[in-house]
Protein backbone atom coordinates (compact mmCIF):
# COMPACT_ATOMS: atom_id res chain seq x y z
CA MET A 1 0.00 0.00 0.00
CA PRO A 2 1.48 3.38 -0.94
CA LEU A 3 2.37 5.85 1.80
CA GLY A 4 -0.58 8.09 2.59
CA GLY A 5 -3.06 5.73 0.93
CA MET A 6 -6.02 3.82 2.33
CA GLY A 7 -3.98 2.58 5.28
CA LEU A 8 -3.43 6.12 6.52
CA PHE A 9 -7.00 7.42 6.24
CA ALA A 10 -9.23 4.34 6.48
CA LEU A 11 -10.45 4.89 10.05
CA TRP A 12 -9.60 8.57 10.33
CA VAL A 13 -12.99 10.26 10.62
CA MET A 14 -12.14 13.68 12.04
CA ASP A 15 -11.05 16.61 9.91
CA GLU A 16 -7.93 17.29 11.96
CA LEU A 17 -5.60 15.09 13.93
CA ARG A 18 -3.79 16.89 16.73
CA PHE A 19 -0.97 15.45 18.77
CA GLN A 20 2.15 16.26 20.71
CA TYR A 21 5.41 14.50 19.99
CA MET A 22 6.95 13.83 23.37
CA CYS A 23 10.30 12.80 24.83
CA ARG A 24 9.50 11.45 28.26
CA ASP A 25 7.26 14.23 29.64
CA ALA A 26 8.72 17.07 27.55
CA VAL A 27 6.81 18.30 24.51
CA MET A 28 9.10 18.28 21.48
CA ALA A 29 6.46 19.42 18.96
CA ASP A 30 2.79 20.24 18.51
CA VAL A 31 1.41 18.81 15.27
CA VAL A 32 -1.88 19.38 13.45
CA VAL A 33 -2.68 17.31 10.36
CA ASN A 34 -5.68 18.29 8.25
CA ARG A 35 -6.77 15.42 6.04
CA HIS A 36 -8.98 17.49 3.74
CA ASN A 37 -6.53 20.18 2.68
CA LYS A 38 -3.56 17.85 3.36
CA ARG A 39 -1.83 20.56 5.37
CA ILE A 40 0.49 19.82 8.27
CA THR A 41 1.39 22.38 10.88
CA CYS A 42 4.30 21.49 13.14
CA VAL A 43 5.66 23.73 15.88
CA ASN A 44 8.98 22.38 17.16
CA TYR A 45 10.22 23.19 20.65
CA THR A 46 13.69 21.71 20.28
CA ASP A 47 16.68 22.41 18.08
CA ASP A 48 17.63 18.71 18.18
CA ILE A 49 16.39 17.38 14.84
CA THR A 50 16.52 13.80 16.14
CA LEU A 51 13.72 14.76 18.55
CA ARG A 52 11.51 16.40 15.93
CA PRO A 53 8.77 14.36 14.24
CA PHE A 54 9.83 15.51 10.76
CA GLY A 55 13.53 16.10 11.41
CA CYS A 56 14.80 19.18 9.58
CA ARG A 57 11.74 19.47 7.29
CA GLN A 58 10.17 22.88 7.88
CA SER A 59 7.10 22.24 5.71
CA PRO A 60 6.19 18.56 5.99
CA VAL A 61 3.78 17.01 3.51
CA MET A 62 1.43 14.03 3.91
CA GLU A 63 4.09 11.58 2.72
CA ASP A 64 6.34 12.82 5.55
CA PHE A 65 3.49 12.24 7.99
CA ALA A 66 2.93 8.72 6.67
CA ARG A 67 6.66 7.94 6.97
CA PHE A 68 6.73 9.38 10.50
CA LEU A 69 3.81 7.18 11.58
CA GLU A 70 5.34 4.09 10.07
CA SER A 71 8.66 4.87 11.77
CA ARG A 72 6.83 4.69 15.12
CA CYS A 73 5.39 1.21 14.35
CA PHE A 74 6.73 -2.32 14.22
CA PRO A 75 7.79 -3.24 10.68
CA ARG A 76 5.04 -4.46 8.36
CA GLU A 77 7.44 -7.24 7.29
CA ARG A 78 7.89 -8.49 10.86
CA ARG A 79 7.42 -12.24 11.13
CA ASN A 80 4.65 -12.07 13.75
CA CYS A 81 3.03 -8.91 12.37
CA GLY A 82 -0.37 -10.59 12.04
CA GLN A 83 -0.35 -11.68 15.67
CA LEU A 84 0.70 -8.21 16.85
CA LEU A 85 -2.13 -6.65 14.85
CA ALA A 86 -4.60 -9.16 16.33
CA ASP A 87 -3.31 -8.39 19.84
CA LEU A 88 -4.01 -4.70 19.16
CA GLY A 89 -7.46 -5.47 17.75
CA ILE A 90 -6.53 -4.20 14.28
CA ASP A 91 -7.48 -6.11 11.12
CA TYR A 92 -4.74 -4.84 8.78
CA TYR A 93 -1.50 -2.88 8.93
CA SER A 94 -2.51 0.75 9.35
CA PRO A 95 0.25 2.92 10.88
CA LEU A 96 -2.24 5.49 12.20
CA ASP A 97 -4.35 2.81 13.90
CA ILE A 98 -1.25 1.14 15.33
CA VAL A 99 0.11 4.42 16.68
CA ARG A 100 -3.29 5.32 18.17
CA LYS A 101 -3.06 2.10 20.21
CA THR A 102 0.69 2.06 21.01
CA HIS A 103 1.33 5.83 21.15
CA GLY A 104 4.36 5.12 18.97
CA ARG A 105 6.33 3.75 21.91
CA GLN A 106 9.58 2.00 21.08
CA LEU A 107 12.31 0.37 23.10
CA GLU A 108 15.00 2.29 21.19
CA ASP A 109 14.08 5.75 22.48
CA TYR A 110 11.95 7.67 24.97
CA CYS A 111 9.72 9.36 22.40
CA TRP A 112 5.98 8.84 22.10
CA ILE A 113 2.82 10.49 20.82
CA ARG A 114 0.11 12.07 22.98
CA PHE A 115 -3.09 12.68 21.04
CA GLU A 116 -5.41 15.59 21.74
CA GLY A 117 -7.66 14.92 24.71
CA GLU A 118 -5.38 12.35 26.33
CA ASP A 119 -4.17 12.83 29.88
CA LEU A 120 -1.09 10.60 29.85
CA ASP A 121 2.32 10.96 31.38
CA TYR A 122 5.49 9.07 30.63
CA GLU A 123 6.21 7.56 34.03
CA HIS A 124 2.74 6.11 34.69
CA ASP A 125 1.29 5.40 31.25
CA ILE A 126 4.02 5.11 28.62
CA LYS A 127 7.35 4.02 30.10
CA LEU A 128 8.67 0.71 28.76
CA ARG A 129 12.10 0.73 30.40
CA ASP A 130 14.41 2.76 32.63
């Protein structure tokens, strides 16, 4: 499936998706993605491009958003991908749906995604390791 295709928008019913890209409990960026006009607004709060959702891109496009989401997921080629999707209650590989469930947590870093309306903190809700 091409980046930004059906897998990105299939279950996305709202006009805008708003989230904060976090490192532990620090906000690294505020992001707004509008699916109708395909506009992305990203306000970065760090100069460290490794902690920005779109790196050094100042004007991200939908393909950048799709790549960012997929970068916060387990690989679609992973051997037990089907079982992981079933464990999450997802029928097919959709990076947005996966990230909505996992918050983009990974063992490799301390970054995660907090969606608008969520009251989560790193220590109690997100932390995978010390």
